[in-house]
Amino acid sequence: MSIQEISLANNQKKRLAKAVKDQAVLFADDNGDLVVNVANYKALKKELIVAKAIKPGIELTPIEAIVGEDVLDFSSEYFVFS
């Protein structure tokens, strides 16, 4: 299992929790870290592309918009935001 650990400020973690509500994609572990299942996040991004045709204001890359474009390593199975 490959995990990418990323440090975030508390306000970024709050924004992330609000941006991704699907618990199959993002959940909080016992110590308060936010965990993202990368495969499920990739599937969500595909769904968002379809949804954007209906609702143009939807963010296509909600996590990248918060943490930055070049931070995430999509070869990982999980992102852990602490």
PDB file of N, CA and C in Angstrom:
ATOM      1  N   MET A   1       0.853  -1.168   0.000  1.00  0.00           N
ATOM      2  CA  MET A   1       0.000   0.000   0.000  1.00  0.00           C
ATOM      3  C   MET A   1       0.903   1.236   0.000  1.00  0.00           C
ATOM      4  N   SER A   2       0.676   2.130  -0.936  1.00  0.00           N
ATOM      5  CA  SER A   2       1.476   3.353  -0.988  1.00  0.00           C
ATOM      6  C   SER A   2       0.651   4.534  -0.498  1.00  0.00           C
ATOM      7  N   ILE A   3       1.275   5.304   0.360  1.00  0.00           N
ATOM      8  CA  ILE A   3       0.607   6.440   0.994  1.00  0.00           C
ATOM      9  C   ILE A   3       1.467   7.675   0.808  1.00  0.00           C
ATOM     10  N   GLN A   4       0.835   8.762   0.388  1.00  0.00           N
ATOM     11  CA  GLN A   4       1.516  10.050   0.330  1.00  0.00           C
ATOM     12  C   GLN A   4       1.003  10.897   1.484  1.00  0.00           C
ATOM     13  N   GLU A   5       1.896  11.286   2.369  1.00  0.00           N
ATOM     14  CA  GLU A   5       1.524  12.132   3.502  1.00  0.00           C
ATOM     15  C   GLU A   5       1.790  13.587   3.151  1.00  0.00           C
ATOM     16  N   ILE A   6       0.798  14.437   3.419  1.00  0.00           N
ATOM     17  CA  ILE A   6       0.885  15.853   3.080  1.00  0.00           C
ATOM     18  C   ILE A   6       0.450  16.658   4.296  1.00  0.00           C
ATOM     19  N   SER A   7       1.267  17.616   4.697  1.00  0.00           N
ATOM     20  CA  SER A   7       0.915  18.485   5.816  1.00  0.00           C
ATOM     21  C   SER A   7       0.062  19.638   5.312  1.00  0.00           C
ATOM     22  N   LEU A   8      -1.010  19.910   6.032  1.00  0.00           N
ATOM     23  CA  LEU A   8      -1.900  21.021   5.689  1.00  0.00           C
ATOM     24  C   LEU A   8      -2.171  21.861   6.920  1.00  0.00           C
ATOM     25  N   ALA A   9      -2.446  23.122   6.683  1.00  0.00           N
ATOM     26  CA  ALA A   9      -2.906  23.995   7.758  1.00  0.00           C
ATOM     27  C   ALA A   9      -4.330  23.586   8.125  1.00  0.00           C
ATOM     28  N   ASN A  10      -4.734  23.892   9.331  1.00  0.00           N
ATOM     29  CA  ASN A  10      -6.061  23.507   9.805  1.00  0.00           C
ATOM     30  C   ASN A  10      -7.166  24.068   8.910  1.00  0.00           C
ATOM     31  N   ASN A  11      -7.026  25.310   8.443  1.00  0.00           N
ATOM     32  CA  ASN A  11      -8.074  25.883   7.593  1.00  0.00           C
ATOM     33  C   ASN A  11      -8.149  25.163   6.244  1.00  0.00           C
ATOM     34  N   GLN A  12      -7.017  24.663   5.735  1.00  0.00           N
ATOM     35  CA  GLN A  12      -7.030  23.892   4.498  1.00  0.00           C
ATOM     36  C   GLN A  12      -7.751  22.557   4.703  1.00  0.00           C
ATOM     37  N   LYS A  13      -7.528  21.922   5.845  1.00  0.00           N
ATOM     38  CA  LYS A  13      -8.214  20.664   6.140  1.00  0.00           C
ATOM     39  C   LYS A  13      -9.722  20.877   6.219  1.00  0.00           C
ATOM     40  N   LYS A  14     -10.135  21.978   6.810  1.00  0.00           N
ATOM     41  CA  LYS A  14     -11.570  22.280   6.890  1.00  0.00           C
ATOM     42  C   LYS A  14     -12.155  22.495   5.504  1.00  0.00           C
ATOM     43  N   ARG A  15     -11.442  23.243   4.655  1.00  0.00           N
ATOM     44  CA  ARG A  15     -11.905  23.483   3.287  1.00  0.00           C
ATOM     45  C   ARG A  15     -11.981  22.173   2.505  1.00  0.00           C
ATOM     46  N   LEU A  16     -11.007  21.306   2.715  1.00  0.00           N
ATOM     47  CA  LEU A  16     -10.986  20.020   2.037  1.00  0.00           C
ATOM     48  C   LEU A  16     -12.182  19.165   2.444  1.00  0.00           C
ATOM     49  N   ALA A  17     -12.475  19.135   3.722  1.00  0.00           N
ATOM     50  CA  ALA A  17     -13.616  18.360   4.221  1.00  0.00           C
ATOM     51  C   ALA A  17     -14.934  18.886   3.648  1.00  0.00           C
ATOM     52  N   LYS A  18     -15.025  20.191   3.443  1.00  0.00           N
ATOM     53  CA  LYS A  18     -16.231  20.770   2.849  1.00  0.00           C
ATOM     54  C   LYS A  18     -16.303  20.516   1.346  1.00  0.00           C
ATOM     55  N   ALA A  19     -15.158  20.480   0.678  1.00  0.00           N
ATOM     56  CA  ALA A  19     -15.125  20.350  -0.777  1.00  0.00           C
ATOM     57  C   ALA A  19     -15.456  18.929  -1.248  1.00  0.00           C
ATOM     58  N   VAL A  20     -15.064  17.928  -0.459  1.00  0.00           N
ATOM     59  CA  VAL A  20     -15.286  16.529  -0.846  1.00  0.00           C
ATOM     60  C   VAL A  20     -16.123  15.871   0.242  1.00  0.00           C
ATOM     61  N   LYS A  21     -17.383  15.646  -0.053  1.00  0.00           N
ATOM     62  CA  LYS A  21     -18.293  15.102   0.951  1.00  0.00           C
ATOM     63  C   LYS A  21     -18.492  13.586   0.830  1.00  0.00           C
ATOM     64  N   ASP A  22     -18.052  12.998  -0.255  1.00  0.00           N
ATOM     65  CA  ASP A  22     -18.214  11.566  -0.480  1.00  0.00           C
ATOM     66  C   ASP A  22     -17.243  10.793   0.420  1.00  0.00           C
ATOM     67  N   GLN A  23     -17.776  10.011   1.362  1.00  0.00           N
ATOM     68  CA  GLN A  23     -16.929   9.289   2.310  1.00  0.00           C
ATOM     69  C   GLN A  23     -16.178   8.125   1.679  1.00  0.00           C
ATOM     70  N   ALA A  24     -16.551   7.726   0.471  1.00  0.00           N
ATOM     71  CA  ALA A  24     -15.765   6.719  -0.242  1.00  0.00           C
ATOM     72  C   ALA A  24     -14.482   7.346  -0.786  1.00  0.00           C
ATOM     73  N   VAL A  25     -14.478   8.668  -0.903  1.00  0.00           N
ATOM     74  CA  VAL A  25     -13.311   9.398  -1.393  1.00  0.00           C
ATOM     75  C   VAL A  25     -12.489   9.942  -0.234  1.00  0.00           C
ATOM     76  N   LEU A  26     -13.129  10.607   0.705  1.00  0.00           N
ATOM     77  CA  LEU A  26     -12.428  11.291   1.796  1.00  0.00           C
ATOM     78  C   LEU A  26     -13.072  10.947   3.130  1.00  0.00           C
ATOM     79  N   PHE A  27     -12.244  10.574   4.096  1.00  0.00           N
ATOM     80  CA  PHE A  27     -12.758  10.313   5.451  1.00  0.00           C
ATOM     81  C   PHE A  27     -11.710  10.733   6.465  1.00  0.00           C
ATOM     82  N   ALA A  28     -12.150  10.964   7.687  1.00  0.00           N
ATOM     83  CA  ALA A  28     -11.244  11.332   8.779  1.00  0.00           C
ATOM     84  C   ALA A  28     -10.890  10.075   9.559  1.00  0.00           C
ATOM     85  N   ASP A  29      -9.601   9.896   9.837  1.00  0.00           N
ATOM     86  CA  ASP A  29      -9.209   8.744  10.643  1.00  0.00           C
ATOM     87  C   ASP A  29      -9.294   9.091  12.129  1.00  0.00           C
ATOM     88  N   ASP A  30      -8.907   8.162  12.978  1.00  0.00           N
ATOM     89  CA  ASP A  30      -9.068   8.320  14.424  1.00  0.00           C
ATOM     90  C   ASP A  30      -8.322   9.515  15.007  1.00  0.00           C
ATOM     91  N   ASN A  31      -7.187   9.884  14.421  1.00  0.00           N
ATOM     92  CA  ASN A  31      -6.424  10.999  14.987  1.00  0.00           C
ATOM     93  C   ASN A  31      -6.710  12.333  14.289  1.00  0.00           C
ATOM     94  N   GLY A  32      -7.732  12.372  13.421  1.00  0.00           N
ATOM     95  CA  GLY A  32      -8.138  13.625  12.801  1.00  0.00           C
ATOM     96  C   GLY A  32      -7.523  13.911  11.446  1.00  0.00           C
ATOM     97  N   ASP A  33      -6.640  13.021  10.980  1.00  0.00           N
ATOM     98  CA  ASP A  33      -6.091  13.199   9.633  1.00  0.00           C
ATOM     99  C   ASP A  33      -7.179  12.911   8.602  1.00  0.00           C
ATOM    100  N   LEU A  34      -7.099  13.574   7.467  1.00  0.00           N
ATOM    101  CA  LEU A  34      -8.025  13.310   6.373  1.00  0.00           C
ATOM    102  C   LEU A  34      -7.355  12.364   5.400  1.00  0.00           C
ATOM    103  N   VAL A  35      -8.067  11.306   5.016  1.00  0.00           N
ATOM    104  CA  VAL A  35      -7.532  10.270   4.140  1.00  0.00           C
ATOM    105  C   VAL A  35      -8.349  10.260   2.851  1.00  0.00           C
ATOM    106  N   VAL A  36      -7.650  10.271   1.715  1.00  0.00           N
ATOM    107  CA  VAL A  36      -8.298  10.232   0.408  1.00  0.00           C
ATOM    108  C   VAL A  36      -7.926   8.928  -0.292  1.00  0.00           C
ATOM    109  N   ASN A  37      -8.930   8.198  -0.740  1.00  0.00           N
ATOM    110  CA  ASN A  37      -8.722   7.022  -1.570  1.00  0.00           C
ATOM    111  C   ASN A  37      -8.510   7.534  -2.993  1.00  0.00           C
ATOM    112  N   VAL A  38      -7.311   7.364  -3.532  1.00  0.00           N
ATOM    113  CA  VAL A  38      -6.943   7.965  -4.813  1.00  0.00           C
ATOM    114  C   VAL A  38      -7.791   7.412  -5.957  1.00  0.00           C
ATOM    115  N   ALA A  39      -8.034   6.111  -5.996  1.00  0.00           N
ATOM    116  CA  ALA A  39      -8.842   5.527  -7.076  1.00  0.00           C
ATOM    117  C   ALA A  39     -10.253   6.116  -7.078  1.00  0.00           C
ATOM    118  N   ASN A  40     -10.835   6.259  -5.892  1.00  0.00           N
ATOM    119  CA  ASN A  40     -12.174   6.833  -5.797  1.00  0.00           C
ATOM    120  C   ASN A  40     -12.165   8.315  -6.147  1.00  0.00           C
ATOM    121  N   TYR A  41     -11.079   9.011  -5.821  1.00  0.00           N
ATOM    122  CA  TYR A  41     -10.978  10.434  -6.173  1.00  0.00           C
ATOM    123  C   TYR A  41     -10.889  10.600  -7.687  1.00  0.00           C
ATOM    124  N   LYS A  42     -10.129   9.724  -8.353  1.00  0.00           N
ATOM    125  CA  LYS A  42     -10.047   9.789  -9.815  1.00  0.00           C
ATOM    126  C   LYS A  42     -11.425   9.574 -10.437  1.00  0.00           C
ATOM    127  N   ALA A  43     -12.194   8.627  -9.896  1.00  0.00           N
ATOM    128  CA  ALA A  43     -13.551   8.376 -10.397  1.00  0.00           C
ATOM    129  C   ALA A  43     -14.444   9.593 -10.156  1.00  0.00           C
ATOM    130  N   LEU A  44     -14.297  10.216  -8.991  1.00  0.00           N
ATOM    131  CA  LEU A  44     -15.080  11.421  -8.680  1.00  0.00           C
ATOM    132  C   LEU A  44     -14.761  12.531  -9.673  1.00  0.00           C
ATOM    133  N   LYS A  45     -13.494  12.703 -10.010  1.00  0.00           N
ATOM    134  CA  LYS A  45     -13.113  13.756 -10.954  1.00  0.00           C
ATOM    135  C   LYS A  45     -13.756  13.518 -12.319  1.00  0.00           C
ATOM    136  N   LYS A  46     -13.872  12.266 -12.745  1.00  0.00           N
ATOM    137  CA  LYS A  46     -14.551  11.953 -14.008  1.00  0.00           C
ATOM    138  C   LYS A  46     -16.027  12.315 -13.925  1.00  0.00           C
ATOM    139  N   GLU A  47     -16.652  12.028 -12.783  1.00  0.00           N
ATOM    140  CA  GLU A  47     -18.060  12.383 -12.584  1.00  0.00           C
ATOM    141  C   GLU A  47     -18.244  13.897 -12.589  1.00  0.00           C
ATOM    142  N   LEU A  48     -17.287  14.620 -12.040  1.00  0.00           N
ATOM    143  CA  LEU A  48     -17.383  16.076 -11.997  1.00  0.00           C
ATOM    144  C   LEU A  48     -17.314  16.686 -13.387  1.00  0.00           C
ATOM    145  N   ILE A  49     -16.578  16.059 -14.292  1.00  0.00           N
ATOM    146  CA  ILE A  49     -16.519  16.548 -15.676  1.00  0.00           C
ATOM    147  C   ILE A  49     -17.899  16.488 -16.305  1.00  0.00           C
ATOM    148  N   VAL A  50     -18.610  15.387 -16.074  1.00  0.00           N
ATOM    149  CA  VAL A  50     -19.972  15.248 -16.596  1.00  0.00           C
ATOM    150  C   VAL A  50     -20.897  16.260 -15.923  1.00  0.00           C
ATOM    151  N   ALA A  51     -20.770  16.414 -14.603  1.00  0.00           N
ATOM    152  CA  ALA A  51     -21.632  17.327 -13.860  1.00  0.00           C
ATOM    153  C   ALA A  51     -21.396  18.781 -14.253  1.00  0.00           C
ATOM    154  N   LYS A  52     -20.182  19.106 -14.658  1.00  0.00           N
ATOM    155  CA  LYS A  52     -19.870  20.490 -15.026  1.00  0.00           C
ATOM    156  C   LYS A  52     -20.677  20.932 -16.240  1.00  0.00           C
ATOM    157  N   ALA A  53     -21.053  19.996 -17.105  1.00  0.00           N
ATOM    158  CA  ALA A  53     -21.885  20.335 -18.258  1.00  0.00           C
ATOM    159  C   ALA A  53     -23.250  20.839 -17.811  1.00  0.00           C
ATOM    160  N   ILE A  54     -23.702  20.333 -16.672  1.00  0.00           N
ATOM    161  CA  ILE A  54     -25.014  20.737 -16.136  1.00  0.00           C
ATOM    162  C   ILE A  54     -24.871  21.963 -15.236  1.00  0.00           C
ATOM    163  N   LYS A  55     -23.863  21.967 -14.395  1.00  0.00           N
ATOM    164  CA  LYS A  55     -23.604  23.067 -13.459  1.00  0.00           C
ATOM    165  C   LYS A  55     -22.214  23.626 -13.732  1.00  0.00           C
ATOM    166  N   PRO A  56     -22.108  24.669 -14.535  1.00  0.00           N
ATOM    167  CA  PRO A  56     -20.794  25.180 -14.945  1.00  0.00           C
ATOM    168  C   PRO A  56     -19.875  25.640 -13.812  1.00  0.00           C
ATOM    169  N   GLY A  57     -20.387  25.947 -12.651  1.00  0.00           N
ATOM    170  CA  GLY A  57     -19.555  26.457 -11.567  1.00  0.00           C
ATOM    171  C   GLY A  57     -18.835  25.405 -10.746  1.00  0.00           C
ATOM    172  N   ILE A  58     -18.994  24.140 -11.079  1.00  0.00           N
ATOM    173  CA  ILE A  58     -18.393  23.056 -10.298  1.00  0.00           C
ATOM    174  C   ILE A  58     -16.878  23.037 -10.491  1.00  0.00           C
ATOM    175  N   GLU A  59     -16.159  22.848  -9.389  1.00  0.00           N
ATOM    176  CA  GLU A  59     -14.691  22.726  -9.416  1.00  0.00           C
ATOM    177  C   GLU A  59     -14.338  21.302  -9.854  1.00  0.00           C
ATOM    178  N   LEU A  60     -13.543  21.170 -10.926  1.00  0.00           N
ATOM    179  CA  LEU A  60     -13.194  19.848 -11.454  1.00  0.00           C
ATOM    180  C   LEU A  60     -12.109  19.152 -10.645  1.00  0.00           C
ATOM    181  N   THR A  61     -11.290  19.902  -9.960  1.00  0.00           N
ATOM    182  CA  THR A  61     -10.201  19.336  -9.162  1.00  0.00           C
ATOM    183  C   THR A  61     -10.240  19.949  -7.764  1.00  0.00           C
ATOM    184  N   PRO A  62     -11.214  19.546  -6.943  1.00  0.00           N
ATOM    185  CA  PRO A  62     -11.388  20.204  -5.643  1.00  0.00           C
ATOM    186  C   PRO A  62     -10.193  20.081  -4.704  1.00  0.00           C
ATOM    187  N   ILE A  63      -9.500  18.959  -4.702  1.00  0.00           N
ATOM    188  CA  ILE A  63      -8.358  18.806  -3.797  1.00  0.00           C
ATOM    189  C   ILE A  63      -7.181  19.635  -4.292  1.00  0.00           C
ATOM    190  N   GLU A  64      -6.910  19.570  -5.587  1.00  0.00           N
ATOM    191  CA  GLU A  64      -5.801  20.330  -6.143  1.00  0.00           C
ATOM    192  C   GLU A  64      -6.004  21.831  -5.957  1.00  0.00           C
ATOM    193  N   ALA A  65      -7.249  22.282  -6.009  1.00  0.00           N
ATOM    194  CA  ALA A  65      -7.543  23.706  -5.814  1.00  0.00           C
ATOM    195  C   ALA A  65      -7.150  24.164  -4.410  1.00  0.00           C
ATOM    196  N   ILE A  66      -7.147  23.250  -3.453  1.00  0.00           N
ATOM    197  CA  ILE A  66      -6.832  23.599  -2.065  1.00  0.00           C
ATOM    198  C   ILE A  66      -5.348  23.389  -1.755  1.00  0.00           C
ATOM    199  N   VAL A  67      -4.784  22.266  -2.190  1.00  0.00           N
ATOM    200  CA  VAL A  67      -3.399  21.953  -1.808  1.00  0.00           C
ATOM    201  C   VAL A  67      -2.367  22.357  -2.853  1.00  0.00           C
ATOM    202  N   GLY A  68      -2.808  22.613  -4.074  1.00  0.00           N
ATOM    203  CA  GLY A  68      -1.887  22.988  -5.153  1.00  0.00           C
ATOM    204  C   GLY A  68      -1.814  21.900  -6.210  1.00  0.00           C
ATOM    205  N   GLU A  69      -1.561  22.302  -7.428  1.00  0.00           N
ATOM    206  CA  GLU A  69      -1.572  21.388  -8.569  1.00  0.00           C
ATOM    207  C   GLU A  69      -0.452  20.352  -8.546  1.00  0.00           C
ATOM    208  N   ASP A  70       0.737  20.721  -8.104  1.00  0.00           N
ATOM    209  CA  ASP A  70       1.894  19.843  -8.219  1.00  0.00           C
ATOM    210  C   ASP A  70       2.211  19.058  -6.947  1.00  0.00           C
ATOM    211  N   VAL A  71       1.284  19.019  -6.005  1.00  0.00           N
ATOM    212  CA  VAL A  71       1.547  18.388  -4.714  1.00  0.00           C
ATOM    213  C   VAL A  71       1.213  16.894  -4.725  1.00  0.00           C
ATOM    214  N   LEU A  72       0.167  16.510  -5.421  1.00  0.00           N
ATOM    215  CA  LEU A  72      -0.344  15.149  -5.336  1.00  0.00           C
ATOM    216  C   LEU A  72       0.391  14.189  -6.269  1.00  0.00           C
ATOM    217  N   ASP A  73       0.684  12.992  -5.732  1.00  0.00           N
ATOM    218  CA  ASP A  73       1.304  11.919  -6.513  1.00  0.00           C
ATOM    219  C   ASP A  73       0.234  10.848  -6.743  1.00  0.00           C
ATOM    220  N   PHE A  74      -0.324  10.821  -7.959  1.00  0.00           N
ATOM    221  CA  PHE A  74      -1.445   9.937  -8.240  1.00  0.00           C
ATOM    222  C   PHE A  74      -1.041   8.473  -8.393  1.00  0.00           C
ATOM    223  N   SER A  75       0.243   8.161  -8.231  1.00  0.00           N
ATOM    224  CA  SER A  75       0.650   6.757  -8.205  1.00  0.00           C
ATOM    225  C   SER A  75       0.435   6.159  -6.817  1.00  0.00           C
ATOM    226  N   SER A  76       0.140   6.995  -5.834  1.00  0.00           N
ATOM    227  CA  SER A  76      -0.154   6.533  -4.471  1.00  0.00           C
ATOM    228  C   SER A  76      -1.565   5.971  -4.411  1.00  0.00           C
ATOM    229  N   GLU A  77      -1.801   5.091  -3.449  1.00  0.00           N
ATOM    230  CA  GLU A  77      -3.151   4.551  -3.240  1.00  0.00           C
ATOM    231  C   GLU A  77      -3.967   5.477  -2.347  1.00  0.00           C
ATOM    232  N   TYR A  78      -3.290   6.174  -1.436  1.00  0.00           N
ATOM    233  CA  TYR A  78      -3.974   7.060  -0.500  1.00  0.00           C
ATOM    234  C   TYR A  78      -3.177   8.347  -0.318  1.00  0.00           C
ATOM    235  N   PHE A  79      -3.896   9.445  -0.124  1.00  0.00           N
ATOM    236  CA  PHE A  79      -3.313  10.696   0.339  1.00  0.00           C
ATOM    237  C   PHE A  79      -3.732  10.837   1.793  1.00  0.00           C
ATOM    238  N   VAL A  80      -2.809  11.180   2.669  1.00  0.00           N
ATOM    239  CA  VAL A  80      -3.139  11.425   4.071  1.00  0.00           C
ATOM    240  C   VAL A  80      -2.753  12.871   4.374  1.00  0.00           C
ATOM    241  N   PHE A  81      -3.762  13.662   4.707  1.00  0.00           N
ATOM    242  CA  PHE A  81      -3.546  15.075   5.012  1.00  0.00           C
ATOM    243  C   PHE A  81      -3.551  15.254   6.521  1.00  0.00           C
ATOM    244  N   SER A  82      -2.409  15.714   7.050  1.00  0.00           N
ATOM    245  CA  SER A  82      -2.291  15.896   8.504  1.00  0.00           C
ATOM    246  C   SER A  82      -2.002  17.337   8.840  1.00  0.00           C
TER     247      SER A  82
END
